[in-house]
Amino acid sequence: MPMTTAPEQLRRLLEQATTLSLATVDAADQPHAANVNFVGDEQLNLYWLSSPDSAHSQHLAGHPRVAATAYPPFADPAEIRGVQLHGHAVLVSADRFELLWTRFCEKFPYATGMEERARSQRFYQLTPHWARLIDNSVRFGFKQEWQLRSTPPPPSREST
């Protein structure tokens, strides 16, 4: 398999994956994991819809640093491909709902009839600063890492 640049290679894998396992920590530094459906953008930012009252959303308000994993479905260990990420996550400005909702419905057609319910939720954005690709289709145990941004972006309550 020819290797491509990190962003394109990671972007393709993230387009094929449907679930992001998001790891956060609470105010007592206790870990928490939640699975969310997500969409991405050209800068490898990832977006998901959650209730601001959910545990992971509450954790992000005080501790925006996160880890995450995503992988496309596979039937054979030789097909395992996935990505591990470190970054920070913030609440997205409500004025971006339409754009993100459209993108979300393109990837997840099941959501199309759920807009009214979705409007009671909020989009969140993960900005990754480090990524590790795992790709057994290259060879068993193949890993490649990238520093996507020189330093983690400063914590922010809400992205603009």
C-alpha atoms as a PDB file:
ATOM      1  CA  MET A   1       0.000   0.000   0.000  1.00  0.00           C
ATOM      2  CA  PRO A   2       1.583   3.350  -0.960  1.00  0.00           C
ATOM      3  CA  MET A   3       1.942   5.738   1.965  1.00  0.00           C
ATOM      4  CA  THR A   4       0.418   9.190   1.576  1.00  0.00           C
ATOM      5  CA  THR A   5       0.883  12.301   3.670  1.00  0.00           C
ATOM      6  CA  ALA A   6      -0.409  12.165   7.217  1.00  0.00           C
ATOM      7  CA  PRO A   7      -3.416  14.458   6.839  1.00  0.00           C
ATOM      8  CA  GLU A   8      -4.765  12.698   3.734  1.00  0.00           C
ATOM      9  CA  GLN A   9      -4.108   9.230   5.135  1.00  0.00           C
ATOM     10  CA  LEU A  10      -5.740  10.090   8.467  1.00  0.00           C
ATOM     11  CA  ARG A  11      -8.610  11.960   6.817  1.00  0.00           C
ATOM     12  CA  ARG A  12      -9.504   8.917   4.684  1.00  0.00           C
ATOM     13  CA  LEU A  13      -9.438   6.613   7.696  1.00  0.00           C
ATOM     14  CA  LEU A  14     -11.579   9.009   9.753  1.00  0.00           C
ATOM     15  CA  GLU A  15     -14.108   9.259   6.899  1.00  0.00           C
ATOM     16  CA  GLN A  16     -14.503   5.462   7.022  1.00  0.00           C
ATOM     17  CA  ALA A  17     -14.813   5.289  10.826  1.00  0.00           C
ATOM     18  CA  THR A  18     -18.177   6.075  12.363  1.00  0.00           C
ATOM     19  CA  THR A  19     -17.500   5.952  16.089  1.00  0.00           C
ATOM     20  CA  LEU A  20     -15.003   7.920  18.129  1.00  0.00           C
ATOM     21  CA  SER A  21     -14.104   6.623  21.577  1.00  0.00           C
ATOM     22  CA  LEU A  22     -13.491   9.794  23.549  1.00  0.00           C
ATOM     23  CA  ALA A  23     -11.493   9.716  26.797  1.00  0.00           C
ATOM     24  CA  THR A  24     -11.920  12.568  29.272  1.00  0.00           C
ATOM     25  CA  VAL A  25     -11.167  13.139  32.955  1.00  0.00           C
ATOM     26  CA  ASP A  26     -13.440  14.567  35.605  1.00  0.00           C
ATOM     27  CA  ALA A  27     -12.627  17.162  38.284  1.00  0.00           C
ATOM     28  CA  ALA A  28     -11.129  14.404  40.477  1.00  0.00           C
ATOM     29  CA  ASP A  29      -8.912  13.216  37.572  1.00  0.00           C
ATOM     30  CA  GLN A  30     -10.969  10.044  37.180  1.00  0.00           C
ATOM     31  CA  PRO A  31     -10.971   8.764  33.585  1.00  0.00           C
ATOM     32  CA  HIS A  32     -14.147   8.379  31.567  1.00  0.00           C
ATOM     33  CA  ALA A  33     -14.769   7.049  28.052  1.00  0.00           C
ATOM     34  CA  ALA A  34     -17.717   7.655  25.755  1.00  0.00           C
ATOM     35  CA  ASN A  35     -18.461   6.548  22.222  1.00  0.00           C
ATOM     36  CA  VAL A  36     -19.841   9.202  19.876  1.00  0.00           C
ATOM     37  CA  ASN A  37     -20.644   9.349  16.162  1.00  0.00           C
ATOM     38  CA  PHE A  38     -18.481  12.002  14.537  1.00  0.00           C
ATOM     39  CA  VAL A  39     -17.612  13.881  11.367  1.00  0.00           C
ATOM     40  CA  GLY A  40     -14.369  15.563  10.407  1.00  0.00           C
ATOM     41  CA  ASP A  41     -13.132  18.522   8.423  1.00  0.00           C
ATOM     42  CA  GLU A  42     -10.144  19.269   6.191  1.00  0.00           C
ATOM     43  CA  GLN A  43      -7.947  20.242   9.180  1.00  0.00           C
ATOM     44  CA  LEU A  44      -8.645  16.880  10.883  1.00  0.00           C
ATOM     45  CA  ASN A  45     -10.884  18.494  13.502  1.00  0.00           C
ATOM     46  CA  LEU A  46     -13.588  16.078  14.659  1.00  0.00           C
ATOM     47  CA  TYR A  47     -17.155  17.033  15.630  1.00  0.00           C
ATOM     48  CA  TRP A  48     -19.846  15.184  17.547  1.00  0.00           C
ATOM     49  CA  LEU A  49     -23.223  16.030  19.005  1.00  0.00           C
ATOM     50  CA  SER A  50     -23.794  15.579  22.747  1.00  0.00           C
ATOM     51  CA  SER A  51     -25.885  16.870  25.564  1.00  0.00           C
ATOM     52  CA  PRO A  52     -24.107  19.560  27.584  1.00  0.00           C
ATOM     53  CA  ASP A  53     -25.305  17.583  30.629  1.00  0.00           C
ATOM     54  CA  SER A  54     -23.495  14.358  29.641  1.00  0.00           C
ATOM     55  CA  ALA A  55     -20.509  13.355  31.764  1.00  0.00           C
ATOM     56  CA  HIS A  56     -17.978  13.814  28.964  1.00  0.00           C
ATOM     57  CA  SER A  57     -19.361  17.253  28.091  1.00  0.00           C
ATOM     58  CA  GLN A  58     -19.179  18.307  31.726  1.00  0.00           C
ATOM     59  CA  HIS A  59     -15.588  17.071  31.917  1.00  0.00           C
ATOM     60  CA  LEU A  60     -14.603  19.111  28.862  1.00  0.00           C
ATOM     61  CA  ALA A  61     -15.787  22.321  30.500  1.00  0.00           C
ATOM     62  CA  GLY A  62     -13.001  22.013  33.086  1.00  0.00           C
ATOM     63  CA  HIS A  63     -10.493  19.723  31.384  1.00  0.00           C
ATOM     64  CA  PRO A  64     -10.412  20.129  27.597  1.00  0.00           C
ATOM     65  CA  ARG A  65      -7.439  17.775  27.044  1.00  0.00           C
ATOM     66  CA  VAL A  66      -8.630  14.465  25.600  1.00  0.00           C
ATOM     67  CA  ALA A  67      -7.525  11.250  23.980  1.00  0.00           C
ATOM     68  CA  ALA A  68      -9.551   9.417  21.350  1.00  0.00           C
ATOM     69  CA  THR A  69      -9.524   6.407  19.060  1.00  0.00           C
ATOM     70  CA  ALA A  70     -11.398   5.591  15.867  1.00  0.00           C
ATOM     71  CA  TYR A  71     -11.274   2.708  13.411  1.00  0.00           C
ATOM     72  CA  PRO A  72     -13.287   1.430  10.461  1.00  0.00           C
ATOM     73  CA  PRO A  73     -15.050  -1.942  10.764  1.00  0.00           C
ATOM     74  CA  PHE A  74     -12.914  -5.026  10.118  1.00  0.00           C
ATOM     75  CA  ALA A  75     -13.473  -8.777   9.860  1.00  0.00           C
ATOM     76  CA  ASP A  76      -9.881 -10.002  10.012  1.00  0.00           C
ATOM     77  CA  PRO A  77      -6.959  -8.879  12.236  1.00  0.00           C
ATOM     78  CA  ALA A  78      -4.933  -8.231   9.072  1.00  0.00           C
ATOM     79  CA  GLU A  79      -7.488  -5.507   8.203  1.00  0.00           C
ATOM     80  CA  ILE A  80      -7.201  -3.596  11.498  1.00  0.00           C
ATOM     81  CA  ARG A  81      -6.589   0.086  10.825  1.00  0.00           C
ATOM     82  CA  GLY A  82      -7.186   2.841  13.304  1.00  0.00           C
ATOM     83  CA  VAL A  83      -6.015   6.092  14.741  1.00  0.00           C
ATOM     84  CA  GLN A  84      -5.181   7.216  18.271  1.00  0.00           C
ATOM     85  CA  LEU A  85      -5.357  10.952  18.959  1.00  0.00           C
ATOM     86  CA  HIS A  86      -4.383  13.447  21.649  1.00  0.00           C
ATOM     87  CA  GLY A  87      -5.839  16.927  21.550  1.00  0.00           C
ATOM     88  CA  HIS A  88      -8.282  19.298  23.129  1.00  0.00           C
ATOM     89  CA  ALA A  89     -12.036  19.508  22.811  1.00  0.00           C
ATOM     90  CA  VAL A  90     -14.372  22.451  23.176  1.00  0.00           C
ATOM     91  CA  LEU A  91     -18.003  23.393  22.766  1.00  0.00           C
ATOM     92  CA  VAL A  92     -18.710  24.717  19.260  1.00  0.00           C
ATOM     93  CA  SER A  93     -20.447  28.027  18.744  1.00  0.00           C
ATOM     94  CA  ALA A  94     -24.190  27.516  18.187  1.00  0.00           C
ATOM     95  CA  ASP A  95     -24.037  29.508  14.934  1.00  0.00           C
ATOM     96  CA  ARG A  96     -22.143  26.582  13.327  1.00  0.00           C
ATOM     97  CA  PHE A  97     -24.997  24.124  13.938  1.00  0.00           C
ATOM     98  CA  GLU A  98     -26.397  24.236  10.373  1.00  0.00           C
ATOM     99  CA  LEU A  99     -23.055  23.544   8.696  1.00  0.00           C
ATOM    100  CA  LEU A 100     -22.125  20.747  11.096  1.00  0.00           C
ATOM    101  CA  TRP A 101     -25.626  19.245  11.066  1.00  0.00           C
ATOM    102  CA  THR A 102     -25.539  19.045   7.267  1.00  0.00           C
ATOM    103  CA  ARG A 103     -22.128  17.353   7.372  1.00  0.00           C
ATOM    104  CA  PHE A 104     -23.334  14.992  10.128  1.00  0.00           C
ATOM    105  CA  CYS A 105     -26.448  13.964   8.155  1.00  0.00           C
ATOM    106  CA  GLU A 106     -24.341  13.298   5.042  1.00  0.00           C
ATOM    107  CA  LYS A 107     -22.256  10.780   6.989  1.00  0.00           C
ATOM    108  CA  PHE A 108     -25.149   9.482   9.113  1.00  0.00           C
ATOM    109  CA  PRO A 109     -28.392   9.457   7.096  1.00  0.00           C
ATOM    110  CA  TYR A 110     -30.249   8.002  10.115  1.00  0.00           C
ATOM    111  CA  ALA A 111     -29.958  11.445  11.737  1.00  0.00           C
ATOM    112  CA  THR A 112     -31.916  13.299   9.034  1.00  0.00           C
ATOM    113  CA  GLY A 113     -35.258  12.903  10.799  1.00  0.00           C
ATOM    114  CA  MET A 114     -33.829  13.799  14.202  1.00  0.00           C
ATOM    115  CA  GLU A 115     -33.071  17.496  13.736  1.00  0.00           C
ATOM    116  CA  GLU A 116     -35.550  18.726  16.339  1.00  0.00           C
ATOM    117  CA  ARG A 117     -34.001  16.465  18.988  1.00  0.00           C
ATOM    118  CA  ALA A 118     -30.488  17.358  17.804  1.00  0.00           C
ATOM    119  CA  ARG A 119     -31.155  21.052  18.367  1.00  0.00           C
ATOM    120  CA  SER A 120     -31.370  20.353  22.106  1.00  0.00           C
ATOM    121  CA  GLN A 121     -27.785  19.066  21.918  1.00  0.00           C
ATOM    122  CA  ARG A 122     -24.523  20.875  21.136  1.00  0.00           C
ATOM    123  CA  PHE A 123     -21.660  20.150  18.799  1.00  0.00           C
ATOM    124  CA  TYR A 124     -18.204  19.697  20.262  1.00  0.00           C
ATOM    125  CA  GLN A 125     -14.885  19.906  18.431  1.00  0.00           C
ATOM    126  CA  LEU A 126     -11.750  17.861  18.994  1.00  0.00           C
ATOM    127  CA  THR A 127      -8.620  19.518  17.634  1.00  0.00           C
ATOM    128  CA  PRO A 128      -5.926  16.837  17.532  1.00  0.00           C
ATOM    129  CA  HIS A 129      -2.287  17.784  18.044  1.00  0.00           C
ATOM    130  CA  TRP A 130      -0.836  14.244  17.871  1.00  0.00           C
ATOM    131  CA  ALA A 131      -1.903  11.145  15.952  1.00  0.00           C
ATOM    132  CA  ARG A 132      -0.781   7.530  15.708  1.00  0.00           C
ATOM    133  CA  LEU A 133      -1.924   5.399  12.806  1.00  0.00           C
ATOM    134  CA  ILE A 134      -2.131   1.641  13.337  1.00  0.00           C
ATOM    135  CA  ASP A 135      -2.386  -0.289  10.077  1.00  0.00           C
ATOM    136  CA  ASN A 136      -2.091  -4.069   9.961  1.00  0.00           C
ATOM    137  CA  SER A 137      -2.704  -3.949   6.189  1.00  0.00           C
ATOM    138  CA  VAL A 138       0.867  -2.599   5.864  1.00  0.00           C
ATOM    139  CA  ARG A 139       2.190  -5.259   8.265  1.00  0.00           C
ATOM    140  CA  PHE A 140       1.072  -6.623  11.620  1.00  0.00           C
ATOM    141  CA  GLY A 141       1.771  -4.016  14.306  1.00  0.00           C
ATOM    142  CA  PHE A 142       2.590  -1.187  11.858  1.00  0.00           C
ATOM    143  CA  LYS A 143       2.485   2.229  13.559  1.00  0.00           C
ATOM    144  CA  GLN A 144       3.241   5.722  12.327  1.00  0.00           C
ATOM    145  CA  GLU A 145       3.009   8.927  14.390  1.00  0.00           C
ATOM    146  CA  TRP A 146       2.625  12.601  13.545  1.00  0.00           C
ATOM    147  CA  GLN A 147       2.776  15.804  15.532  1.00  0.00           C
ATOM    148  CA  LEU A 148      -0.104  17.589  13.787  1.00  0.00           C
ATOM    149  CA  ARG A 149       0.269  20.905  15.579  1.00  0.00           C
ATOM    150  CA  SER A 150       3.406  22.135  17.310  1.00  0.00           C
ATOM    151  CA  THR A 151       1.683  22.665  20.643  1.00  0.00           C
ATOM    152  CA  PRO A 152      -1.795  21.955  21.891  1.00  0.00           C
ATOM    153  CA  PRO A 153      -4.091  24.926  21.304  1.00  0.00           C
ATOM    154  CA  PRO A 154      -4.820  26.875  24.454  1.00  0.00           C
ATOM    155  CA  PRO A 155      -7.872  25.745  26.413  1.00  0.00           C
ATOM    156  CA  SER A 156     -11.049  27.492  25.364  1.00  0.00           C
ATOM    157  CA  ARG A 157     -14.612  27.196  26.597  1.00  0.00           C
ATOM    158  CA  GLU A 158     -16.127  27.493  23.132  1.00  0.00           C
ATOM    159  CA  SER A 159     -14.678  27.444  19.626  1.00  0.00           C
ATOM    160  CA  THR A 160     -15.654  30.134  17.177  1.00  0.00           C
END
